[in-house]
Amino acid sequence: MVYPAHVVHVLIASPSDVAAERTALREAIWEFNDEHTPANKVVLLPRTWEKNSTPRLGAAPQDILDEQIVDSSDIAIGIFWTRIGQLLEGATPASVHELERFVAAGKPALLYFSNTPVIPGSIDNEQFEQVQKFKERAKSWGIYREYSGVEELVQHARRDLLSTVRDQLNLPQVTEPVATSQRARPVARVERRESQRFDSRGNPKVDRRTYLILENKGEGDARNVKLAWDHPAEDRNSIPLVHGAFDAPINSLVAGDMSNSRCRSCLACWIALNSGSNGRTTTAHTRRSRPL
């Protein structure tokens, strides 16, 4: 089934020592879409510099990445374990730079630290120390989560992504396209009718009524209907159209609505907004009584 949805780009910012987490997170995002997109009308697209950047010369690598994938992403996920990653000019780690850029732009960023035990001698102590410093700084920067394995990270991320999509992105409601078979088709026509009656003295009279009928011959409700009317030459037999009744658009042809108006010559007239569905009509008429 085809339906419209919002596309949300999710940047995964992480050093090389959490490659397994990156891979698992990409797969989890696609599973998230399978589960939630039909209801939320949101599709998450994971982004990493390895898979979503394009080779280019003429600028600093991080500046290129910022332009290509960082600034155009909507949610960032930072993952750290033993490495802080490549240092930029000024000694700022690249992944930290990307998270800082997100926060400065007012966009949501999720942060996770692995507490998997470290084997002494198997890590870069300087890198690990930088991670610990960043973790300490993060305590006053916001809230982060810790995880002890890839599966736990995936569980945290799925829950946090759902909360972020619902509560922080403020996405407008997706409007379903109207099927051709359900579109409105308002049609206007004029009818003149006569009927006989008797006045209080028993004299026969003829009521002559001119009806302006606005009919919706489509299958969908008619909204914001506008009507243009060219008046005929004014003579003794012509009856002016309802004054003001169609000056403004008719918001909707829905059953049960009723509005009153007066014509230019103060004759009694009314408008009945009967229905927006197929076969129902909206009618305006003017009436004057004349003797036979």
C-alpha atoms as a PDB file:
ATOM      1  CA  MET A   1       0.000   0.000   0.000  1.00  0.00           C
ATOM      2  CA  VAL A   2       1.306   3.447  -0.939  1.00  0.00           C
ATOM      3  CA  TYR A   3       0.885   6.314   1.543  1.00  0.00           C
ATOM      4  CA  PRO A   4       2.693   9.600   2.343  1.00  0.00           C
ATOM      5  CA  ALA A   5       5.129   9.733   5.278  1.00  0.00           C
ATOM      6  CA  HIS A   6       7.758  12.001   6.819  1.00  0.00           C
ATOM      7  CA  VAL A   7      11.398  11.024   6.191  1.00  0.00           C
ATOM      8  CA  VAL A   8      13.655  11.557   9.227  1.00  0.00           C
ATOM      9  CA  HIS A   9      17.440  11.220   8.826  1.00  0.00           C
ATOM     10  CA  VAL A  10      19.213   9.667  11.816  1.00  0.00           C
ATOM     11  CA  LEU A  11      22.953  10.367  12.097  1.00  0.00           C
ATOM     12  CA  ILE A  12      24.995   7.711  13.921  1.00  0.00           C
ATOM     13  CA  ALA A  13      28.087   9.435  15.342  1.00  0.00           C
ATOM     14  CA  SER A  14      30.619   6.977  16.752  1.00  0.00           C
ATOM     15  CA  PRO A  15      34.311   5.993  16.687  1.00  0.00           C
ATOM     16  CA  SER A  16      35.688   2.829  15.101  1.00  0.00           C
ATOM     17  CA  ASP A  17      35.596   0.616  18.229  1.00  0.00           C
ATOM     18  CA  VAL A  18      31.791   0.363  18.210  1.00  0.00           C
ATOM     19  CA  ALA A  19      31.365  -0.898  14.641  1.00  0.00           C
ATOM     20  CA  ALA A  20      29.165  -3.784  15.823  1.00  0.00           C
ATOM     21  CA  GLU A  21      26.841  -1.339  17.563  1.00  0.00           C
ATOM     22  CA  ARG A  22      26.621   0.805  14.417  1.00  0.00           C
ATOM     23  CA  THR A  23      25.667  -2.170  12.274  1.00  0.00           C
ATOM     24  CA  ALA A  24      23.090  -3.415  14.786  1.00  0.00           C
ATOM     25  CA  LEU A  25      21.618   0.061  15.116  1.00  0.00           C
ATOM     26  CA  ARG A  26      21.159   0.438  11.362  1.00  0.00           C
ATOM     27  CA  GLU A  27      19.300  -2.876  11.259  1.00  0.00           C
ATOM     28  CA  ALA A  28      17.215  -1.886  14.291  1.00  0.00           C
ATOM     29  CA  ILE A  29      16.155   1.344  12.572  1.00  0.00           C
ATOM     30  CA  TRP A  30      14.828  -0.584   9.573  1.00  0.00           C
ATOM     31  CA  GLU A  31      12.947  -2.904  11.937  1.00  0.00           C
ATOM     32  CA  PHE A  32      11.594   0.202  13.682  1.00  0.00           C
ATOM     33  CA  ASN A  33      10.178   1.346  10.342  1.00  0.00           C
ATOM     34  CA  ASP A  34       8.480  -1.994   9.732  1.00  0.00           C
ATOM     35  CA  GLU A  35       6.790  -1.787  13.117  1.00  0.00           C
ATOM     36  CA  HIS A  36       5.901   1.893  13.473  1.00  0.00           C
ATOM     37  CA  THR A  37       5.776   3.586  10.051  1.00  0.00           C
ATOM     38  CA  PRO A  38       2.219   2.483   9.119  1.00  0.00           C
ATOM     39  CA  ALA A  39       0.866   4.127  12.291  1.00  0.00           C
ATOM     40  CA  ASN A  40       3.246   7.081  12.741  1.00  0.00           C
ATOM     41  CA  LYS A  41       3.740   7.893   9.043  1.00  0.00           C
ATOM     42  CA  VAL A  42       7.466   8.405   9.768  1.00  0.00           C
ATOM     43  CA  VAL A  43      10.377   6.670   8.012  1.00  0.00           C
ATOM     44  CA  LEU A  44      13.788   6.748   9.727  1.00  0.00           C
ATOM     45  CA  LEU A  45      16.862   6.654   7.470  1.00  0.00           C
ATOM     46  CA  PRO A  46      20.173   5.815   9.227  1.00  0.00           C
ATOM     47  CA  ARG A  47      23.261   7.790   8.200  1.00  0.00           C
ATOM     48  CA  THR A  48      26.972   7.171   8.793  1.00  0.00           C
ATOM     49  CA  TRP A  49      29.958   8.840   7.218  1.00  0.00           C
ATOM     50  CA  GLU A  50      31.166   5.514   5.769  1.00  0.00           C
ATOM     51  CA  LYS A  51      27.973   4.855   3.794  1.00  0.00           C
ATOM     52  CA  ASN A  52      26.430   8.262   3.167  1.00  0.00           C
ATOM     53  CA  SER A  53      29.279  10.689   2.417  1.00  0.00           C
ATOM     54  CA  THR A  54      30.613  11.509  -1.049  1.00  0.00           C
ATOM     55  CA  PRO A  55      34.310  12.040  -1.903  1.00  0.00           C
ATOM     56  CA  ARG A  56      35.169  15.688  -2.447  1.00  0.00           C
ATOM     57  CA  LEU A  57      38.265  17.905  -2.344  1.00  0.00           C
ATOM     58  CA  GLY A  58      38.724  21.566  -1.540  1.00  0.00           C
ATOM     59  CA  ALA A  59      37.676  21.757   2.125  1.00  0.00           C
ATOM     60  CA  ALA A  60      38.433  20.211   5.503  1.00  0.00           C
ATOM     61  CA  PRO A  61      37.007  16.668   5.780  1.00  0.00           C
ATOM     62  CA  GLN A  62      34.767  17.497   8.741  1.00  0.00           C
ATOM     63  CA  ASP A  63      33.422  20.592   6.983  1.00  0.00           C
ATOM     64  CA  ILE A  64      32.437  18.385   4.057  1.00  0.00           C
ATOM     65  CA  LEU A  65      30.772  15.857   6.364  1.00  0.00           C
ATOM     66  CA  ASP A  66      28.906  18.635   8.161  1.00  0.00           C
ATOM     67  CA  GLU A  67      27.527  19.851   4.861  1.00  0.00           C
ATOM     68  CA  GLN A  68      26.729  16.433   3.397  1.00  0.00           C
ATOM     69  CA  ILE A  69      25.218  14.479   6.288  1.00  0.00           C
ATOM     70  CA  VAL A  70      25.404  16.259   9.662  1.00  0.00           C
ATOM     71  CA  ASP A  71      23.466  19.479   9.112  1.00  0.00           C
ATOM     72  CA  SER A  72      20.777  17.793   7.015  1.00  0.00           C
ATOM     73  CA  SER A  73      20.086  15.077   9.603  1.00  0.00           C
ATOM     74  CA  ASP A  74      17.234  15.355  12.093  1.00  0.00           C
ATOM     75  CA  ILE A  75      18.289  13.099  14.995  1.00  0.00           C
ATOM     76  CA  ALA A  76      21.806  12.202  16.165  1.00  0.00           C
ATOM     77  CA  ILE A  77      22.864   9.088  18.076  1.00  0.00           C
ATOM     78  CA  GLY A  78      26.282   9.118  19.759  1.00  0.00           C
ATOM     79  CA  ILE A  79      27.888   5.820  20.833  1.00  0.00           C
ATOM     80  CA  PHE A  80      31.179   5.513  22.768  1.00  0.00           C
ATOM     81  CA  TRP A  81      33.201   2.775  24.460  1.00  0.00           C
ATOM     82  CA  THR A  82      37.015   2.957  24.600  1.00  0.00           C
ATOM     83  CA  ARG A  83      37.780   5.488  21.855  1.00  0.00           C
ATOM     84  CA  ILE A  84      36.807   9.130  21.495  1.00  0.00           C
ATOM     85  CA  GLY A  85      37.683   9.126  17.795  1.00  0.00           C
ATOM     86  CA  GLN A  86      39.654  11.340  15.459  1.00  0.00           C
ATOM     87  CA  LEU A  87      40.601  14.740  16.857  1.00  0.00           C
ATOM     88  CA  LEU A  88      39.868  17.826  14.801  1.00  0.00           C
ATOM     89  CA  GLU A  89      41.758  21.089  14.787  1.00  0.00           C
ATOM     90  CA  GLY A  90      41.499  22.416  18.320  1.00  0.00           C
ATOM     91  CA  ALA A  91      41.570  18.873  19.784  1.00  0.00           C
ATOM     92  CA  THR A  92      37.794  18.414  19.579  1.00  0.00           C
ATOM     93  CA  PRO A  93      36.813  14.813  18.727  1.00  0.00           C
ATOM     94  CA  ALA A  94      34.877  14.547  15.455  1.00  0.00           C
ATOM     95  CA  SER A  95      31.952  12.612  16.953  1.00  0.00           C
ATOM     96  CA  VAL A  96      31.693  15.051  19.859  1.00  0.00           C
ATOM     97  CA  HIS A  97      31.790  17.944  17.391  1.00  0.00           C
ATOM     98  CA  GLU A  98      28.814  16.468  15.536  1.00  0.00           C
ATOM     99  CA  LEU A  99      26.801  16.068  18.736  1.00  0.00           C
ATOM    100  CA  GLU A 100      27.652  19.623  19.813  1.00  0.00           C
ATOM    101  CA  ARG A 101      26.531  20.886  16.414  1.00  0.00           C
ATOM    102  CA  PHE A 102      23.193  19.128  16.827  1.00  0.00           C
ATOM    103  CA  VAL A 103      22.599  20.528  20.298  1.00  0.00           C
ATOM    104  CA  ALA A 104      23.507  24.046  19.126  1.00  0.00           C
ATOM    105  CA  ALA A 105      20.952  23.722  16.316  1.00  0.00           C
ATOM    106  CA  GLY A 106      18.235  22.685  18.773  1.00  0.00           C
ATOM    107  CA  LYS A 107      17.899  19.192  17.291  1.00  0.00           C
ATOM    108  CA  PRO A 108      17.538  16.038  19.427  1.00  0.00           C
ATOM    109  CA  ALA A 109      20.678  14.012  20.195  1.00  0.00           C
ATOM    110  CA  LEU A 110      20.789  10.650  22.003  1.00  0.00           C
ATOM    111  CA  LEU A 111      23.962   9.578  23.821  1.00  0.00           C
ATOM    112  CA  TYR A 112      25.048   6.078  24.882  1.00  0.00           C
ATOM    113  CA  PHE A 113      28.175   4.755  26.634  1.00  0.00           C
ATOM    114  CA  SER A 114      29.212   1.106  26.719  1.00  0.00           C
ATOM    115  CA  ASN A 115      30.182  -0.272  30.121  1.00  0.00           C
ATOM    116  CA  THR A 116      31.498  -3.527  28.650  1.00  0.00           C
ATOM    117  CA  PRO A 117      34.627  -4.531  30.637  1.00  0.00           C
ATOM    118  CA  VAL A 118      37.932  -3.481  29.090  1.00  0.00           C
ATOM    119  CA  ILE A 119      40.929  -5.826  28.863  1.00  0.00           C
ATOM    120  CA  PRO A 120      44.045  -4.008  30.122  1.00  0.00           C
ATOM    121  CA  GLY A 121      46.638  -3.446  27.425  1.00  0.00           C
ATOM    122  CA  SER A 122      44.120  -3.852  24.594  1.00  0.00           C
ATOM    123  CA  ILE A 123      43.106  -0.212  24.371  1.00  0.00           C
ATOM    124  CA  ASP A 124      44.621   3.197  23.740  1.00  0.00           C
ATOM    125  CA  ASN A 125      44.802   4.665  27.236  1.00  0.00           C
ATOM    126  CA  GLU A 126      44.809   8.259  25.983  1.00  0.00           C
ATOM    127  CA  GLN A 127      41.677   7.654  23.913  1.00  0.00           C
ATOM    128  CA  PHE A 128      39.987   5.886  26.826  1.00  0.00           C
ATOM    129  CA  GLU A 129      40.828   8.781  29.133  1.00  0.00           C
ATOM    130  CA  GLN A 130      39.222  11.200  26.644  1.00  0.00           C
ATOM    131  CA  VAL A 131      36.058   9.088  26.691  1.00  0.00           C
ATOM    132  CA  GLN A 132      35.921   9.227  30.490  1.00  0.00           C
ATOM    133  CA  LYS A 133      36.355  13.009  30.443  1.00  0.00           C
ATOM    134  CA  PHE A 134      33.568  13.378  27.900  1.00  0.00           C
ATOM    135  CA  LYS A 135      31.348  11.085  29.943  1.00  0.00           C
ATOM    136  CA  GLU A 136      31.912  13.239  33.019  1.00  0.00           C
ATOM    137  CA  ARG A 137      31.126  16.358  31.018  1.00  0.00           C
ATOM    138  CA  ALA A 138      27.940  14.743  29.694  1.00  0.00           C
ATOM    139  CA  LYS A 139      26.564  14.537  33.232  1.00  0.00           C
ATOM    140  CA  SER A 140      26.055  18.301  33.198  1.00  0.00           C
ATOM    141  CA  TRP A 141      25.222  18.450  29.477  1.00  0.00           C
ATOM    142  CA  GLY A 142      22.129  16.262  29.552  1.00  0.00           C
ATOM    143  CA  ILE A 143      21.103  12.657  30.169  1.00  0.00           C
ATOM    144  CA  TYR A 144      22.831   9.613  28.691  1.00  0.00           C
ATOM    145  CA  ARG A 145      22.334   5.866  28.927  1.00  0.00           C
ATOM    146  CA  GLU A 146      24.793   3.058  29.551  1.00  0.00           C
ATOM    147  CA  TYR A 147      24.580  -0.378  27.975  1.00  0.00           C
ATOM    148  CA  SER A 148      26.400  -3.653  28.577  1.00  0.00           C
ATOM    149  CA  GLY A 149      25.933  -5.229  25.158  1.00  0.00           C
ATOM    150  CA  VAL A 150      24.707  -4.644  21.631  1.00  0.00           C
ATOM    151  CA  GLU A 151      21.240  -6.062  22.313  1.00  0.00           C
ATOM    152  CA  GLU A 152      20.714  -3.744  25.265  1.00  0.00           C
ATOM    153  CA  LEU A 153      21.792  -0.758  23.170  1.00  0.00           C
ATOM    154  CA  VAL A 154      19.270  -1.693  20.487  1.00  0.00           C
ATOM    155  CA  GLN A 155      16.487  -1.958  23.062  1.00  0.00           C
ATOM    156  CA  HIS A 156      17.336   1.469  24.490  1.00  0.00           C
ATOM    157  CA  ALA A 157      17.632   3.074  21.052  1.00  0.00           C
ATOM    158  CA  ARG A 158      14.329   1.702  19.725  1.00  0.00           C
ATOM    159  CA  ARG A 159      12.436   2.999  22.745  1.00  0.00           C
ATOM    160  CA  ASP A 160      14.221   6.362  22.727  1.00  0.00           C
ATOM    161  CA  LEU A 161      13.737   6.871  18.990  1.00  0.00           C
ATOM    162  CA  LEU A 162      10.010   6.260  19.298  1.00  0.00           C
ATOM    163  CA  SER A 163       9.782   8.788  22.128  1.00  0.00           C
ATOM    164  CA  THR A 164      11.840  11.329  20.167  1.00  0.00           C
ATOM    165  CA  VAL A 165       9.720  10.999  17.029  1.00  0.00           C
ATOM    166  CA  ARG A 166       6.495  11.413  18.995  1.00  0.00           C
ATOM    167  CA  ASP A 167       7.479  14.142  21.439  1.00  0.00           C
ATOM    168  CA  GLN A 168      10.355  16.225  20.030  1.00  0.00           C
ATOM    169  CA  LEU A 169      10.183  16.474  16.252  1.00  0.00           C
ATOM    170  CA  ASN A 170       6.793  18.279  16.089  1.00  0.00           C
ATOM    171  CA  LEU A 171       6.066  16.868  12.654  1.00  0.00           C
ATOM    172  CA  PRO A 172       2.909  18.122  10.925  1.00  0.00           C
ATOM    173  CA  GLN A 173       0.110  15.642  10.421  1.00  0.00           C
ATOM    174  CA  VAL A 174       0.392  13.735   7.181  1.00  0.00           C
ATOM    175  CA  THR A 175      -2.607  14.324   4.909  1.00  0.00           C
ATOM    176  CA  GLU A 176      -3.761  11.363   2.881  1.00  0.00           C
ATOM    177  CA  PRO A 177      -4.249  12.139  -0.820  1.00  0.00           C
ATOM    178  CA  VAL A 178      -7.883  12.162  -1.902  1.00  0.00           C
ATOM    179  CA  ALA A 179      -8.721   9.342  -4.274  1.00  0.00           C
ATOM    180  CA  THR A 180     -10.181  10.412  -7.601  1.00  0.00           C
ATOM    181  CA  SER A 181     -13.384   8.508  -6.834  1.00  0.00           C
ATOM    182  CA  GLN A 182     -13.812  10.490  -3.596  1.00  0.00           C
ATOM    183  CA  ARG A 183     -13.392  13.997  -4.977  1.00  0.00           C
ATOM    184  CA  ALA A 184     -16.134  16.591  -4.805  1.00  0.00           C
ATOM    185  CA  ARG A 185     -17.775  17.938  -7.981  1.00  0.00           C
ATOM    186  CA  PRO A 186     -20.012  20.916  -7.167  1.00  0.00           C
ATOM    187  CA  VAL A 187     -22.358  21.951 -10.003  1.00  0.00           C
ATOM    188  CA  ALA A 188     -24.651  25.020 -10.020  1.00  0.00           C
ATOM    189  CA  ARG A 189     -27.930  25.438 -11.927  1.00  0.00           C
ATOM    190  CA  VAL A 190     -30.995  27.736 -11.892  1.00  0.00           C
ATOM    191  CA  GLU A 191     -34.589  26.484 -11.774  1.00  0.00           C
ATOM    192  CA  ARG A 192     -37.812  28.539 -11.964  1.00  0.00           C
ATOM    193  CA  ARG A 193     -40.975  27.029 -10.533  1.00  0.00           C
ATOM    194  CA  GLU A 194     -44.603  28.159 -10.117  1.00  0.00           C
ATOM    195  CA  SER A 195     -47.210  26.984  -7.627  1.00  0.00           C
ATOM    196  CA  GLN A 196     -50.808  28.080  -6.985  1.00  0.00           C
ATOM    197  CA  ARG A 197     -52.201  29.155  -3.629  1.00  0.00           C
ATOM    198  CA  PHE A 198     -55.106  31.239  -2.243  1.00  0.00           C
ATOM    199  CA  ASP A 199     -54.828  34.349  -0.136  1.00  0.00           C
ATOM    200  CA  SER A 200     -56.888  35.060   2.999  1.00  0.00           C
ATOM    201  CA  ARG A 201     -59.813  36.309   0.860  1.00  0.00           C
ATOM    202  CA  GLY A 202     -59.883  33.212  -1.285  1.00  0.00           C
ATOM    203  CA  ASN A 203     -58.310  34.865  -4.280  1.00  0.00           C
ATOM    204  CA  PRO A 204     -56.012  32.584  -6.298  1.00  0.00           C
ATOM    205  CA  LYS A 205     -52.393  33.623  -6.567  1.00  0.00           C
ATOM    206  CA  VAL A 206     -49.293  32.176  -8.161  1.00  0.00           C
ATOM    207  CA  ASP A 207     -46.010  31.843  -6.332  1.00  0.00           C
ATOM    208  CA  ARG A 208     -43.095  32.151  -8.699  1.00  0.00           C
ATOM    209  CA  ARG A 209     -39.805  30.995  -7.271  1.00  0.00           C
ATOM    210  CA  THR A 210     -36.333  31.094  -8.742  1.00  0.00           C
ATOM    211  CA  TYR A 211     -33.997  28.477  -7.306  1.00  0.00           C
ATOM    212  CA  LEU A 212     -30.236  28.516  -7.415  1.00  0.00           C
ATOM    213  CA  ILE A 213     -29.191  24.921  -6.765  1.00  0.00           C
ATOM    214  CA  LEU A 214     -25.612  24.027  -5.920  1.00  0.00           C
ATOM    215  CA  GLU A 215     -25.267  20.260  -6.126  1.00  0.00           C
ATOM    216  CA  ASN A 216     -22.270  18.107  -5.250  1.00  0.00           C
ATOM    217  CA  LYS A 217     -22.186  15.286  -7.791  1.00  0.00           C
ATOM    218  CA  GLY A 218     -18.896  13.873  -6.537  1.00  0.00           C
ATOM    219  CA  GLU A 219     -18.214  11.243  -3.891  1.00  0.00           C
ATOM    220  CA  GLY A 220     -16.301  13.457  -1.433  1.00  0.00           C
ATOM    221  CA  ASP A 221     -17.352  16.412   0.717  1.00  0.00           C
ATOM    222  CA  ALA A 222     -17.192  19.820  -0.958  1.00  0.00           C
ATOM    223  CA  ARG A 223     -15.074  22.330   0.973  1.00  0.00           C
ATOM    224  CA  ASN A 224     -14.563  26.088   0.555  1.00  0.00           C
ATOM    225  CA  VAL A 225     -16.986  26.312  -2.380  1.00  0.00           C
ATOM    226  CA  LYS A 226     -17.037  29.655  -4.248  1.00  0.00           C
ATOM    227  CA  LEU A 227     -19.798  30.696  -6.641  1.00  0.00           C
ATOM    228  CA  ALA A 228     -19.644  33.467  -9.274  1.00  0.00           C
ATOM    229  CA  TRP A 229     -22.960  34.867 -10.564  1.00  0.00           C
ATOM    230  CA  ASP A 230     -23.640  37.167 -13.535  1.00  0.00           C
ATOM    231  CA  HIS A 231     -26.954  38.978 -12.990  1.00  0.00           C
ATOM    232  CA  PRO A 232     -29.371  39.289 -15.942  1.00  0.00           C
ATOM    233  CA  ALA A 233     -30.707  42.670 -17.006  1.00  0.00           C
ATOM    234  CA  GLU A 234     -32.900  44.159 -14.286  1.00  0.00           C
ATOM    235  CA  ASP A 235     -36.526  44.273 -15.454  1.00  0.00           C
ATOM    236  CA  ARG A 236     -39.916  43.711 -13.861  1.00  0.00           C
ATOM    237  CA  ASN A 237     -39.661  39.960 -14.364  1.00  0.00           C
ATOM    238  CA  SER A 238     -36.115  39.466 -13.110  1.00  0.00           C
ATOM    239  CA  ILE A 239     -35.469  38.547  -9.508  1.00  0.00           C
ATOM    240  CA  PRO A 240     -32.147  39.461  -7.920  1.00  0.00           C
ATOM    241  CA  LEU A 241     -30.038  36.665  -6.505  1.00  0.00           C
ATOM    242  CA  VAL A 242     -29.650  36.232  -2.780  1.00  0.00           C
ATOM    243  CA  HIS A 243     -27.548  39.086  -1.455  1.00  0.00           C
ATOM    244  CA  GLY A 244     -24.544  38.037   0.603  1.00  0.00           C
ATOM    245  CA  ALA A 245     -25.395  34.354   0.593  1.00  0.00           C
ATOM    246  CA  PHE A 246     -22.565  33.406  -1.752  1.00  0.00           C
ATOM    247  CA  ASP A 247     -20.296  36.406  -1.243  1.00  0.00           C
ATOM    248  CA  ALA A 248     -18.000  34.305   0.942  1.00  0.00           C
ATOM    249  CA  PRO A 249     -16.957  30.696   0.241  1.00  0.00           C
ATOM    250  CA  ILE A 250     -19.201  27.929   1.544  1.00  0.00           C
ATOM    251  CA  ASN A 251     -17.000  26.101   4.011  1.00  0.00           C
ATOM    252  CA  SER A 252     -18.608  22.710   3.596  1.00  0.00           C
ATOM    253  CA  LEU A 253     -21.702  21.040   2.204  1.00  0.00           C
ATOM    254  CA  VAL A 254     -22.464  18.891   5.254  1.00  0.00           C
ATOM    255  CA  ALA A 255     -25.861  17.576   6.316  1.00  0.00           C
ATOM    256  CA  GLY A 256     -27.707  19.545   8.972  1.00  0.00           C
ATOM    257  CA  ASP A 257     -26.097  22.958   8.483  1.00  0.00           C
ATOM    258  CA  MET A 258     -28.472  25.890   7.919  1.00  0.00           C
ATOM    259  CA  SER A 259     -27.810  29.559   7.175  1.00  0.00           C
ATOM    260  CA  ASN A 260     -30.237  32.458   6.575  1.00  0.00           C
ATOM    261  CA  SER A 261     -29.822  35.484   4.333  1.00  0.00           C
ATOM    262  CA  ARG A 262     -31.865  38.196   2.540  1.00  0.00           C
ATOM    263  CA  CYS A 263     -31.981  39.112  -1.106  1.00  0.00           C
ATOM    264  CA  ARG A 264     -31.321  42.565  -2.523  1.00  0.00           C
ATOM    265  CA  SER A 265     -35.042  43.344  -2.885  1.00  0.00           C
ATOM    266  CA  CYS A 266     -35.827  42.123   0.662  1.00  0.00           C
ATOM    267  CA  LEU A 267     -37.783  39.134  -0.652  1.00  0.00           C
ATOM    268  CA  ALA A 268     -37.816  36.083   1.581  1.00  0.00           C
ATOM    269  CA  CYS A 269     -34.974  33.733   0.725  1.00  0.00           C
ATOM    270  CA  TRP A 270     -32.983  31.005   2.367  1.00  0.00           C
ATOM    271  CA  ILE A 271     -30.054  28.716   1.915  1.00  0.00           C
ATOM    272  CA  ALA A 272     -30.036  25.108   3.001  1.00  0.00           C
ATOM    273  CA  LEU A 273     -26.674  23.384   3.173  1.00  0.00           C
ATOM    274  CA  ASN A 274     -27.923  19.841   2.937  1.00  0.00           C
ATOM    275  CA  SER A 275     -25.003  17.549   2.236  1.00  0.00           C
ATOM    276  CA  GLY A 276     -21.561  17.161   0.752  1.00  0.00           C
ATOM    277  CA  SER A 277     -22.185  13.651  -0.464  1.00  0.00           C
ATOM    278  CA  ASN A 278     -23.273  12.497  -3.876  1.00  0.00           C
ATOM    279  CA  GLY A 279     -26.777  13.469  -4.937  1.00  0.00           C
ATOM    280  CA  ARG A 280     -27.533  16.019  -2.200  1.00  0.00           C
ATOM    281  CA  THR A 281     -28.028  19.703  -2.927  1.00  0.00           C
ATOM    282  CA  THR A 282     -27.570  23.170  -1.542  1.00  0.00           C
ATOM    283  CA  THR A 283     -30.445  25.434  -2.590  1.00  0.00           C
ATOM    284  CA  ALA A 284     -30.990  29.197  -2.477  1.00  0.00           C
ATOM    285  CA  HIS A 285     -34.298  30.625  -3.687  1.00  0.00           C
ATOM    286  CA  THR A 286     -36.155  33.910  -3.923  1.00  0.00           C
ATOM    287  CA  ARG A 287     -39.948  34.133  -3.813  1.00  0.00           C
ATOM    288  CA  ARG A 288     -42.554  36.679  -4.832  1.00  0.00           C
ATOM    289  CA  SER A 289     -46.314  36.312  -5.005  1.00  0.00           C
ATOM    290  CA  ARG A 290     -48.348  37.548  -7.947  1.00  0.00           C
ATOM    291  CA  PRO A 291     -52.084  37.325  -8.657  1.00  0.00           C
ATOM    292  CA  LEU A 292     -53.248  35.045 -11.448  1.00  0.00           C
END
